[in-house]
């Protein structure tokens, strides 16, 4: 790994592993940090499996081999490994109590010029930036899952985000093969302010007995032409992330329309989180 040429990725969950994969596939050296060894081991296995599947389906036939991609990623528990990162992408769980503790720690470790990108579904970027001494170099990047397969991302300008930070981010994303769609800060931004309402209402329809989950999704796929229905999408994102995102939106907007459906809460409590747990509205 070349000195001062790598990108830091914080959080080795589904999104963090996807971001690290996409970066390494496009020639970037990556330091992937988590607080749990098991999370890093799981990420390593999921990255290997995803790359193998891509090659089997022909999507990665011309790209680097899995071994080459994994060689570009350092898996570590040591935050100090980020001390020379040129750019850091944070992907920890959608919980403000956790996220707000990450940024002062990164601020103390990373070089002054390093940009912090928050991969968040709903938490306002200006609030995140307030936990640092570099609010002009904090920006939001809302990656979609699966990260390597999505050609565009929602990028969020915080109150203090500078034009230079936006252009640095544009160049970094271009290097990942992605275009950015720039929006202004606000809870949920555009994508999840709209999507979370759709998913929540679909869950209410199941809870109320209006339709089974499969029929809800079939209506959206076959009647509207969507590639996935709202409940399939919820399982892909993770029902815990859906619940936490709705809680943030409900709290920030003070609007009951974002109140998480009780069925969603029960499923999260039961550990039915979707694809990542093996069962949500469907079994995997």
C-alpha atoms as a PDB file:
ATOM      1  CA  UNK A   1       0.000   0.000   0.000  1.00  0.00           C
ATOM      2  CA  UNK A   2       1.471   3.331  -1.028  1.00  0.00           C
ATOM      3  CA  UNK A   3       1.876   6.009   1.614  1.00  0.00           C
ATOM      4  CA  UNK A   4      -0.932   8.579   1.769  1.00  0.00           C
ATOM      5  CA  UNK A   5      -2.749   7.075  -1.223  1.00  0.00           C
ATOM      6  CA  UNK A   6      -5.432   5.024   0.450  1.00  0.00           C
ATOM      7  CA  UNK A   7      -9.087   5.524   1.327  1.00  0.00           C
ATOM      8  CA  UNK A   8     -10.381   4.700   4.780  1.00  0.00           C
ATOM      9  CA  UNK A   9     -13.684   2.860   5.165  1.00  0.00           C
ATOM     10  CA  UNK A  10     -15.180   2.784   8.670  1.00  0.00           C
ATOM     11  CA  UNK A  11     -17.695   0.038   9.419  1.00  0.00           C
ATOM     12  CA  UNK A  12     -17.458  -3.454   7.918  1.00  0.00           C
ATOM     13  CA  UNK A  13     -21.172  -4.203   7.658  1.00  0.00           C
ATOM     14  CA  UNK A  14     -23.034  -4.767   4.412  1.00  0.00           C
ATOM     15  CA  UNK A  15     -22.547  -1.207   3.154  1.00  0.00           C
ATOM     16  CA  UNK A  16     -18.957  -0.838   4.335  1.00  0.00           C
ATOM     17  CA  UNK A  17     -17.970  -4.115   2.707  1.00  0.00           C
ATOM     18  CA  UNK A  18     -19.687  -3.037  -0.507  1.00  0.00           C
ATOM     19  CA  UNK A  19     -17.908   0.335  -0.538  1.00  0.00           C
ATOM     20  CA  UNK A  20     -14.535  -1.324   0.128  1.00  0.00           C
ATOM     21  CA  UNK A  21     -15.166  -3.822  -2.670  1.00  0.00           C
ATOM     22  CA  UNK A  22     -16.094  -1.140  -5.183  1.00  0.00           C
ATOM     23  CA  UNK A  23     -13.027   0.926  -4.274  1.00  0.00           C
ATOM     24  CA  UNK A  24     -10.635  -2.011  -4.487  1.00  0.00           C
ATOM     25  CA  UNK A  25     -12.148  -3.183  -7.780  1.00  0.00           C
ATOM     26  CA  UNK A  26     -11.433   0.238  -9.268  1.00  0.00           C
ATOM     27  CA  UNK A  27      -7.785   0.240  -8.221  1.00  0.00           C
ATOM     28  CA  UNK A  28      -7.914   2.019  -4.843  1.00  0.00           C
ATOM     29  CA  UNK A  29      -6.043   0.854  -1.761  1.00  0.00           C
ATOM     30  CA  UNK A  30      -8.404   0.605   1.205  1.00  0.00           C
ATOM     31  CA  UNK A  31      -8.154   0.404   4.987  1.00  0.00           C
ATOM     32  CA  UNK A  32     -11.376  -1.164   6.321  1.00  0.00           C
ATOM     33  CA  UNK A  33     -11.862  -0.566  10.061  1.00  0.00           C
ATOM     34  CA  UNK A  34     -14.356  -2.072  12.469  1.00  0.00           C
ATOM     35  CA  UNK A  35     -14.537  -2.575  16.229  1.00  0.00           C
ATOM     36  CA  UNK A  36     -15.286  -6.312  15.963  1.00  0.00           C
ATOM     37  CA  UNK A  37     -12.975  -8.968  14.546  1.00  0.00           C
ATOM     38  CA  UNK A  38     -15.990 -11.084  13.559  1.00  0.00           C
ATOM     39  CA  UNK A  39     -17.382  -8.227  11.468  1.00  0.00           C
ATOM     40  CA  UNK A  40     -14.095  -8.000   9.572  1.00  0.00           C
ATOM     41  CA  UNK A  41     -13.998 -11.756   8.976  1.00  0.00           C
ATOM     42  CA  UNK A  42     -17.611 -11.717   7.778  1.00  0.00           C
ATOM     43  CA  UNK A  43     -16.838  -8.785   5.470  1.00  0.00           C
ATOM     44  CA  UNK A  44     -13.851 -10.618   4.015  1.00  0.00           C
ATOM     45  CA  UNK A  45     -15.986 -13.664   3.276  1.00  0.00           C
ATOM     46  CA  UNK A  46     -18.844 -11.631   1.799  1.00  0.00           C
ATOM     47  CA  UNK A  47     -16.446  -9.702  -0.447  1.00  0.00           C
ATOM     48  CA  UNK A  48     -14.899 -12.946  -1.694  1.00  0.00           C
ATOM     49  CA  UNK A  49     -18.339 -14.460  -2.337  1.00  0.00           C
ATOM     50  CA  UNK A  50     -19.630 -11.333  -4.106  1.00  0.00           C
ATOM     51  CA  UNK A  51     -16.612 -11.200  -6.418  1.00  0.00           C
ATOM     52  CA  UNK A  52     -16.935 -14.894  -7.209  1.00  0.00           C
ATOM     53  CA  UNK A  53     -20.617 -14.435  -8.034  1.00  0.00           C
ATOM     54  CA  UNK A  54     -19.865 -11.455 -10.276  1.00  0.00           C
ATOM     55  CA  UNK A  55     -17.363 -13.504 -12.269  1.00  0.00           C
ATOM     56  CA  UNK A  56     -19.751 -16.453 -12.529  1.00  0.00           C
ATOM     57  CA  UNK A  57     -22.407 -14.118 -13.940  1.00  0.00           C
ATOM     58  CA  UNK A  58     -19.931 -12.541 -16.333  1.00  0.00           C
ATOM     59  CA  UNK A  59     -20.065  -9.100 -14.736  1.00  0.00           C
ATOM     60  CA  UNK A  60     -16.506  -9.231 -13.437  1.00  0.00           C
ATOM     61  CA  UNK A  61     -14.902 -11.323 -16.153  1.00  0.00           C
ATOM     62  CA  UNK A  62     -12.716  -8.424 -17.319  1.00  0.00           C
ATOM     63  CA  UNK A  63     -12.050  -7.034 -13.847  1.00  0.00           C
ATOM     64  CA  UNK A  64      -9.377  -7.935 -11.296  1.00  0.00           C
ATOM     65  CA  UNK A  65      -9.405 -11.367  -9.683  1.00  0.00           C
ATOM     66  CA  UNK A  66     -10.838 -11.751  -6.178  1.00  0.00           C
ATOM     67  CA  UNK A  67      -7.355 -12.301  -4.741  1.00  0.00           C
ATOM     68  CA  UNK A  68      -6.132  -9.036  -6.297  1.00  0.00           C
ATOM     69  CA  UNK A  69      -9.108  -7.103  -4.935  1.00  0.00           C
ATOM     70  CA  UNK A  70      -8.650  -8.508  -1.430  1.00  0.00           C
ATOM     71  CA  UNK A  71      -4.937  -7.680  -1.509  1.00  0.00           C
ATOM     72  CA  UNK A  72      -5.872  -4.013  -1.848  1.00  0.00           C
ATOM     73  CA  UNK A  73      -7.905  -4.062   1.382  1.00  0.00           C
ATOM     74  CA  UNK A  74      -6.368  -3.954   4.864  1.00  0.00           C
ATOM     75  CA  UNK A  75      -8.826  -5.339   7.441  1.00  0.00           C
ATOM     76  CA  UNK A  76      -8.101  -3.885  10.879  1.00  0.00           C
ATOM     77  CA  UNK A  77      -9.429  -3.040  14.336  1.00  0.00           C
ATOM     78  CA  UNK A  78      -6.916  -0.193  14.656  1.00  0.00           C
ATOM     79  CA  UNK A  79      -8.345   3.270  13.950  1.00  0.00           C
ATOM     80  CA  UNK A  80      -4.804   4.667  13.928  1.00  0.00           C
ATOM     81  CA  UNK A  81      -4.346   2.967  10.546  1.00  0.00           C
ATOM     82  CA  UNK A  82      -6.423   5.868   9.187  1.00  0.00           C
ATOM     83  CA  UNK A  83      -3.770   8.409  10.166  1.00  0.00           C
ATOM     84  CA  UNK A  84      -2.696   8.948   6.551  1.00  0.00           C
ATOM     85  CA  UNK A  85      -5.972   8.297   4.726  1.00  0.00           C
ATOM     86  CA  UNK A  86      -6.635  10.813   1.976  1.00  0.00           C
ATOM     87  CA  UNK A  87     -10.420  10.324   2.190  1.00  0.00           C
ATOM     88  CA  UNK A  88     -12.593   8.526   4.767  1.00  0.00           C
ATOM     89  CA  UNK A  89     -16.050   7.031   4.203  1.00  0.00           C
ATOM     90  CA  UNK A  90     -18.011   6.228   7.371  1.00  0.00           C
ATOM     91  CA  UNK A  91     -20.632   3.451   7.221  1.00  0.00           C
ATOM     92  CA  UNK A  92     -21.544   2.582  10.813  1.00  0.00           C
ATOM     93  CA  UNK A  93     -25.086   1.697  11.801  1.00  0.00           C
ATOM     94  CA  UNK A  94     -27.841   4.307  11.398  1.00  0.00           C
ATOM     95  CA  UNK A  95     -27.825   5.248  15.076  1.00  0.00           C
ATOM     96  CA  UNK A  96     -26.926   8.807  16.103  1.00  0.00           C
ATOM     97  CA  UNK A  97     -25.693   7.668  19.502  1.00  0.00           C
ATOM     98  CA  UNK A  98     -23.038   5.587  17.719  1.00  0.00           C
ATOM     99  CA  UNK A  99     -22.253   7.893  14.811  1.00  0.00           C
ATOM    100  CA  UNK A 100     -21.712  11.013  16.902  1.00  0.00           C
ATOM    101  CA  UNK A 101     -18.879   9.292  18.797  1.00  0.00           C
ATOM    102  CA  UNK A 102     -17.052   8.262  15.622  1.00  0.00           C
ATOM    103  CA  UNK A 103     -16.345  11.717  14.213  1.00  0.00           C
ATOM    104  CA  UNK A 104     -14.345  13.292  17.062  1.00  0.00           C
ATOM    105  CA  UNK A 105     -12.220  10.152  16.994  1.00  0.00           C
ATOM    106  CA  UNK A 106     -11.649  10.421  13.238  1.00  0.00           C
ATOM    107  CA  UNK A 107     -11.030  14.151  13.579  1.00  0.00           C
ATOM    108  CA  UNK A 108      -8.178  13.527  16.011  1.00  0.00           C
ATOM    109  CA  UNK A 109      -6.556  10.850  13.834  1.00  0.00           C
ATOM    110  CA  UNK A 110      -6.922  11.930  10.213  1.00  0.00           C
ATOM    111  CA  UNK A 111      -4.862  14.593   8.431  1.00  0.00           C
ATOM    112  CA  UNK A 112      -6.363  18.070   8.485  1.00  0.00           C
ATOM    113  CA  UNK A 113      -7.100  18.034   4.746  1.00  0.00           C
ATOM    114  CA  UNK A 114      -8.871  14.648   4.765  1.00  0.00           C
ATOM    115  CA  UNK A 115     -12.528  14.701   3.701  1.00  0.00           C
ATOM    116  CA  UNK A 116     -15.073  12.785   5.783  1.00  0.00           C
ATOM    117  CA  UNK A 117     -17.999  11.285   3.859  1.00  0.00           C
ATOM    118  CA  UNK A 118     -20.947  10.023   5.889  1.00  0.00           C
ATOM    119  CA  UNK A 119     -22.745   7.129   4.248  1.00  0.00           C
ATOM    120  CA  UNK A 120     -26.021   7.696   6.039  1.00  0.00           C
ATOM    121  CA  UNK A 121     -29.638   7.084   5.140  1.00  0.00           C
ATOM    122  CA  UNK A 122     -31.291   9.899   7.064  1.00  0.00           C
ATOM    123  CA  UNK A 123     -29.092  11.693   9.617  1.00  0.00           C
ATOM    124  CA  UNK A 124     -28.470  15.320   8.560  1.00  0.00           C
ATOM    125  CA  UNK A 125     -24.914  15.981   7.367  1.00  0.00           C
ATOM    126  CA  UNK A 126     -24.748  19.353   9.132  1.00  0.00           C
ATOM    127  CA  UNK A 127     -25.358  17.597  12.448  1.00  0.00           C
ATOM    128  CA  UNK A 128     -22.570  15.113  11.708  1.00  0.00           C
ATOM    129  CA  UNK A 129     -20.191  17.912  10.664  1.00  0.00           C
ATOM    130  CA  UNK A 130     -20.812  19.694  13.978  1.00  0.00           C
ATOM    131  CA  UNK A 131     -18.919  16.880  15.718  1.00  0.00           C
ATOM    132  CA  UNK A 132     -15.715  17.810  13.868  1.00  0.00           C
ATOM    133  CA  UNK A 133     -13.301  20.716  13.578  1.00  0.00           C
ATOM    134  CA  UNK A 134     -13.553  20.529   9.761  1.00  0.00           C
ATOM    135  CA  UNK A 135     -17.256  21.040   8.889  1.00  0.00           C
ATOM    136  CA  UNK A 136     -16.302  22.363   5.444  1.00  0.00           C
ATOM    137  CA  UNK A 137     -14.722  18.982   4.678  1.00  0.00           C
ATOM    138  CA  UNK A 138     -17.717  16.852   5.694  1.00  0.00           C
ATOM    139  CA  UNK A 139     -20.145  15.622   3.042  1.00  0.00           C
ATOM    140  CA  UNK A 140     -22.831  12.969   2.712  1.00  0.00           C
ATOM    141  CA  UNK A 141     -22.630  10.071   0.264  1.00  0.00           C
ATOM    142  CA  UNK A 142     -25.694   7.866   0.258  1.00  0.00           C
ATOM    143  CA  UNK A 143     -24.536   4.686  -1.466  1.00  0.00           C
ATOM    144  CA  UNK A 144     -27.189   2.191  -2.530  1.00  0.00           C
ATOM    145  CA  UNK A 145     -26.946  -1.565  -2.014  1.00  0.00           C
ATOM    146  CA  UNK A 146     -25.310  -3.484  -3.682  1.00  0.00           C
ATOM    147  CA  UNK A 147     -22.720  -0.729  -3.977  1.00  0.00           C
ATOM    148  CA  UNK A 148     -20.660  -2.112  -6.918  1.00  0.00           C
ATOM    149  CA  UNK A 149     -23.794  -2.484  -9.052  1.00  0.00           C
ATOM    150  CA  UNK A 150     -25.189   1.052  -8.729  1.00  0.00           C
ATOM    151  CA  UNK A 151     -23.988   3.630 -11.281  1.00  0.00           C
ATOM    152  CA  UNK A 152     -25.021   6.731  -9.305  1.00  0.00           C
ATOM    153  CA  UNK A 153     -25.137   7.965  -5.712  1.00  0.00           C
ATOM    154  CA  UNK A 154     -26.976  10.674  -3.819  1.00  0.00           C
ATOM    155  CA  UNK A 155     -24.456  13.217  -2.502  1.00  0.00           C
ATOM    156  CA  UNK A 156     -25.495  15.673   0.207  1.00  0.00           C
ATOM    157  CA  UNK A 157     -24.089  19.147   0.769  1.00  0.00           C
ATOM    158  CA  UNK A 158     -24.108  20.132   4.450  1.00  0.00           C
ATOM    159  CA  UNK A 159     -24.453  23.745   5.630  1.00  0.00           C
ATOM    160  CA  UNK A 160     -20.671  24.252   5.656  1.00  0.00           C
ATOM    161  CA  UNK A 161     -19.593  21.804   2.914  1.00  0.00           C
ATOM    162  CA  UNK A 162     -17.171  23.600   0.591  1.00  0.00           C
ATOM    163  CA  UNK A 163     -17.127  23.526  -3.197  1.00  0.00           C
ATOM    164  CA  UNK A 164     -13.630  22.012  -2.991  1.00  0.00           C
ATOM    165  CA  UNK A 165     -14.998  19.119  -0.899  1.00  0.00           C
ATOM    166  CA  UNK A 166     -17.749  18.546  -3.458  1.00  0.00           C
ATOM    167  CA  UNK A 167     -15.244  18.456  -6.323  1.00  0.00           C
ATOM    168  CA  UNK A 168     -12.918  16.125  -4.408  1.00  0.00           C
ATOM    169  CA  UNK A 169     -15.880  13.830  -3.836  1.00  0.00           C
ATOM    170  CA  UNK A 170     -16.944  14.033  -7.471  1.00  0.00           C
ATOM    171  CA  UNK A 171     -13.457  12.967  -8.559  1.00  0.00           C
ATOM    172  CA  UNK A 172     -13.334  10.123  -6.020  1.00  0.00           C
ATOM    173  CA  UNK A 173     -16.723   8.804  -7.135  1.00  0.00           C
ATOM    174  CA  UNK A 174     -15.759   9.104 -10.788  1.00  0.00           C
ATOM    175  CA  UNK A 175     -12.777   6.920  -9.957  1.00  0.00           C
ATOM    176  CA  UNK A 176     -15.247   4.337  -8.623  1.00  0.00           C
ATOM    177  CA  UNK A 177     -17.202   4.518 -11.881  1.00  0.00           C
ATOM    178  CA  UNK A 178     -20.104   6.450 -10.385  1.00  0.00           C
ATOM    179  CA  UNK A 179     -21.936   9.690 -11.091  1.00  0.00           C
ATOM    180  CA  UNK A 180     -23.177  11.862  -8.252  1.00  0.00           C
ATOM    181  CA  UNK A 181     -26.551  13.552  -7.859  1.00  0.00           C
ATOM    182  CA  UNK A 182     -26.066  16.531  -5.558  1.00  0.00           C
ATOM    183  CA  UNK A 183     -28.839  17.544  -3.144  1.00  0.00           C
ATOM    184  CA  UNK A 184     -29.047  19.835  -0.136  1.00  0.00           C
ATOM    185  CA  UNK A 185     -29.101  18.690   3.462  1.00  0.00           C
ATOM    186  CA  UNK A 186     -32.265  17.641   5.262  1.00  0.00           C
ATOM    187  CA  UNK A 187     -33.486  14.544   7.135  1.00  0.00           C
ATOM    188  CA  UNK A 188     -33.692  11.633   4.681  1.00  0.00           C
ATOM    189  CA  UNK A 189     -32.448  13.914   1.876  1.00  0.00           C
ATOM    190  CA  UNK A 190     -34.555  13.022  -1.214  1.00  0.00           C
ATOM    191  CA  UNK A 191     -34.269   9.252  -1.564  1.00  0.00           C
ATOM    192  CA  UNK A 192     -35.174   8.112   1.933  1.00  0.00           C
ATOM    193  CA  UNK A 193     -37.578  10.920   2.707  1.00  0.00           C
ATOM    194  CA  UNK A 194     -39.702   9.366  -0.039  1.00  0.00           C
ATOM    195  CA  UNK A 195     -38.663   5.687   0.033  1.00  0.00           C
ATOM    196  CA  UNK A 196     -39.097   5.152   3.775  1.00  0.00           C
ATOM    197  CA  UNK A 197     -42.700   6.343   3.608  1.00  0.00           C
ATOM    198  CA  UNK A 198     -43.398   3.906   0.776  1.00  0.00           C
ATOM    199  CA  UNK A 199     -41.831   0.975   2.617  1.00  0.00           C
ATOM    200  CA  UNK A 200     -43.557   1.842   5.900  1.00  0.00           C
ATOM    201  CA  UNK A 201     -46.979   2.029   4.239  1.00  0.00           C
ATOM    202  CA  UNK A 202     -46.325  -1.309   2.516  1.00  0.00           C
ATOM    203  CA  UNK A 203     -45.615  -2.841   5.939  1.00  0.00           C
ATOM    204  CA  UNK A 204     -48.830  -1.322   7.307  1.00  0.00           C
ATOM    205  CA  UNK A 205     -50.708  -2.952   4.387  1.00  0.00           C
ATOM    206  CA  UNK A 206     -49.314  -6.342   5.449  1.00  0.00           C
ATOM    207  CA  UNK A 207     -50.005  -5.694   9.139  1.00  0.00           C
ATOM    208  CA  UNK A 208     -53.599  -4.643   8.388  1.00  0.00           C
ATOM    209  CA  UNK A 209     -54.202  -7.791   6.339  1.00  0.00           C
ATOM    210  CA  UNK A 210     -54.792  -5.894   3.092  1.00  0.00           C
ATOM    211  CA  UNK A 211     -52.322  -8.119   1.224  1.00  0.00           C
ATOM    212  CA  UNK A 212     -49.509 -10.607   1.702  1.00  0.00           C
ATOM    213  CA  UNK A 213     -45.951  -9.342   1.299  1.00  0.00           C
ATOM    214  CA  UNK A 214     -45.456 -11.175  -2.015  1.00  0.00           C
ATOM    215  CA  UNK A 215     -48.610  -9.599  -3.484  1.00  0.00           C
ATOM    216  CA  UNK A 216     -47.614  -6.105  -2.343  1.00  0.00           C
ATOM    217  CA  UNK A 217     -44.302  -6.499  -4.138  1.00  0.00           C
ATOM    218  CA  UNK A 218     -45.898  -8.076  -7.198  1.00  0.00           C
ATOM    219  CA  UNK A 219     -48.153  -5.026  -7.630  1.00  0.00           C
ATOM    220  CA  UNK A 220     -45.133  -2.733  -7.694  1.00  0.00           C
ATOM    221  CA  UNK A 221     -43.148  -4.975 -10.050  1.00  0.00           C
ATOM    222  CA  UNK A 222     -45.868  -5.992 -12.479  1.00  0.00           C
ATOM    223  CA  UNK A 223     -48.213  -3.003 -12.359  1.00  0.00           C
ATOM    224  CA  UNK A 224     -45.700  -0.176 -11.971  1.00  0.00           C
ATOM    225  CA  UNK A 225     -42.689  -1.801 -13.606  1.00  0.00           C
ATOM    226  CA  UNK A 226     -40.412  -1.444 -10.572  1.00  0.00           C
ATOM    227  CA  UNK A 227     -37.449  -3.823 -10.520  1.00  0.00           C
ATOM    228  CA  UNK A 228     -38.137  -4.641  -6.853  1.00  0.00           C
ATOM    229  CA  UNK A 229     -41.150  -4.241  -4.613  1.00  0.00           C
ATOM    230  CA  UNK A 230     -40.965  -2.155  -1.412  1.00  0.00           C
ATOM    231  CA  UNK A 231     -40.746  -5.151   0.920  1.00  0.00           C
ATOM    232  CA  UNK A 232     -38.053  -6.847  -1.165  1.00  0.00           C
ATOM    233  CA  UNK A 233     -36.212  -3.534  -1.000  1.00  0.00           C
ATOM    234  CA  UNK A 234     -36.678  -3.410   2.774  1.00  0.00           C
ATOM    235  CA  UNK A 235     -35.169  -6.888   3.138  1.00  0.00           C
ATOM    236  CA  UNK A 236     -32.216  -5.835   0.984  1.00  0.00           C
ATOM    237  CA  UNK A 237     -31.567  -2.651   2.986  1.00  0.00           C
ATOM    238  CA  UNK A 238     -32.124  -4.320   6.362  1.00  0.00           C
ATOM    239  CA  UNK A 239     -35.233  -3.928   8.501  1.00  0.00           C
ATOM    240  CA  UNK A 240     -33.196  -2.524  11.387  1.00  0.00           C
ATOM    241  CA  UNK A 241     -31.885   0.212   9.093  1.00  0.00           C
ATOM    242  CA  UNK A 242     -35.444   0.911   7.907  1.00  0.00           C
ATOM    243  CA  UNK A 243     -36.656   1.194  11.495  1.00  0.00           C
ATOM    244  CA  UNK A 244     -33.791   3.463  12.583  1.00  0.00           C
ATOM    245  CA  UNK A 245     -34.235   5.672   9.521  1.00  0.00           C
ATOM    246  CA  UNK A 246     -37.948   6.115  10.181  1.00  0.00           C
ATOM    247  CA  UNK A 247     -37.215   6.935  13.823  1.00  0.00           C
ATOM    248  CA  UNK A 248     -34.788   9.677  12.734  1.00  0.00           C
ATOM    249  CA  UNK A 249     -37.308  11.096  10.237  1.00  0.00           C
ATOM    250  CA  UNK A 250     -40.146  11.016  12.776  1.00  0.00           C
ATOM    251  CA  UNK A 251     -38.012  12.776  15.389  1.00  0.00           C
ATOM    252  CA  UNK A 252     -36.561  15.404  13.045  1.00  0.00           C
ATOM    253  CA  UNK A 253     -39.759  16.320  11.194  1.00  0.00           C
ATOM    254  CA  UNK A 254     -42.005  15.891  14.264  1.00  0.00           C
ATOM    255  CA  UNK A 255     -44.501  14.359  11.841  1.00  0.00           C
ATOM    256  CA  UNK A 256     -46.476  11.221  12.676  1.00  0.00           C
ATOM    257  CA  UNK A 257     -46.538  10.093   9.060  1.00  0.00           C
ATOM    258  CA  UNK A 258     -43.025   8.722   9.642  1.00  0.00           C
ATOM    259  CA  UNK A 259     -44.050   6.645  12.690  1.00  0.00           C
ATOM    260  CA  UNK A 260     -42.544   3.149  12.229  1.00  0.00           C
ATOM    261  CA  UNK A 261     -45.156   0.448  11.742  1.00  0.00           C
ATOM    262  CA  UNK A 262     -45.514  -1.745  14.865  1.00  0.00           C
ATOM    263  CA  UNK A 263     -45.022  -4.876  12.717  1.00  0.00           C
ATOM    264  CA  UNK A 264     -41.640  -3.520  11.640  1.00  0.00           C
ATOM    265  CA  UNK A 265     -40.620  -3.025  15.278  1.00  0.00           C
ATOM    266  CA  UNK A 266     -41.686  -6.570  16.194  1.00  0.00           C
ATOM    267  CA  UNK A 267     -39.727  -8.059  13.296  1.00  0.00           C
ATOM    268  CA  UNK A 268     -36.596  -6.125  14.275  1.00  0.00           C
ATOM    269  CA  UNK A 269     -37.000  -7.248  17.894  1.00  0.00           C
ATOM    270  CA  UNK A 270     -37.324 -10.838  16.633  1.00  0.00           C
ATOM    271  CA  UNK A 271     -34.083 -10.556  14.676  1.00  0.00           C
ATOM    272  CA  UNK A 272     -35.825 -10.798  11.294  1.00  0.00           C
ATOM    273  CA  UNK A 273     -33.691  -8.189   9.566  1.00  0.00           C
ATOM    274  CA  UNK A 274     -33.933  -9.323   5.946  1.00  0.00           C
ATOM    275  CA  UNK A 275     -31.190 -10.740   3.759  1.00  0.00           C
ATOM    276  CA  UNK A 276     -28.404 -10.175   6.269  1.00  0.00           C
ATOM    277  CA  UNK A 277     -30.106 -12.342   8.908  1.00  0.00           C
ATOM    278  CA  UNK A 278     -31.544 -14.892   6.465  1.00  0.00           C
ATOM    279  CA  UNK A 279     -35.184 -13.921   7.000  1.00  0.00           C
ATOM    280  CA  UNK A 280     -37.322 -10.813   6.857  1.00  0.00           C
ATOM    281  CA  UNK A 281     -40.486 -10.606   4.775  1.00  0.00           C
ATOM    282  CA  UNK A 282     -38.930 -13.496   2.817  1.00  0.00           C
ATOM    283  CA  UNK A 283     -36.561 -16.353   3.669  1.00  0.00           C
ATOM    284  CA  UNK A 284     -33.104 -16.466   2.089  1.00  0.00           C
END
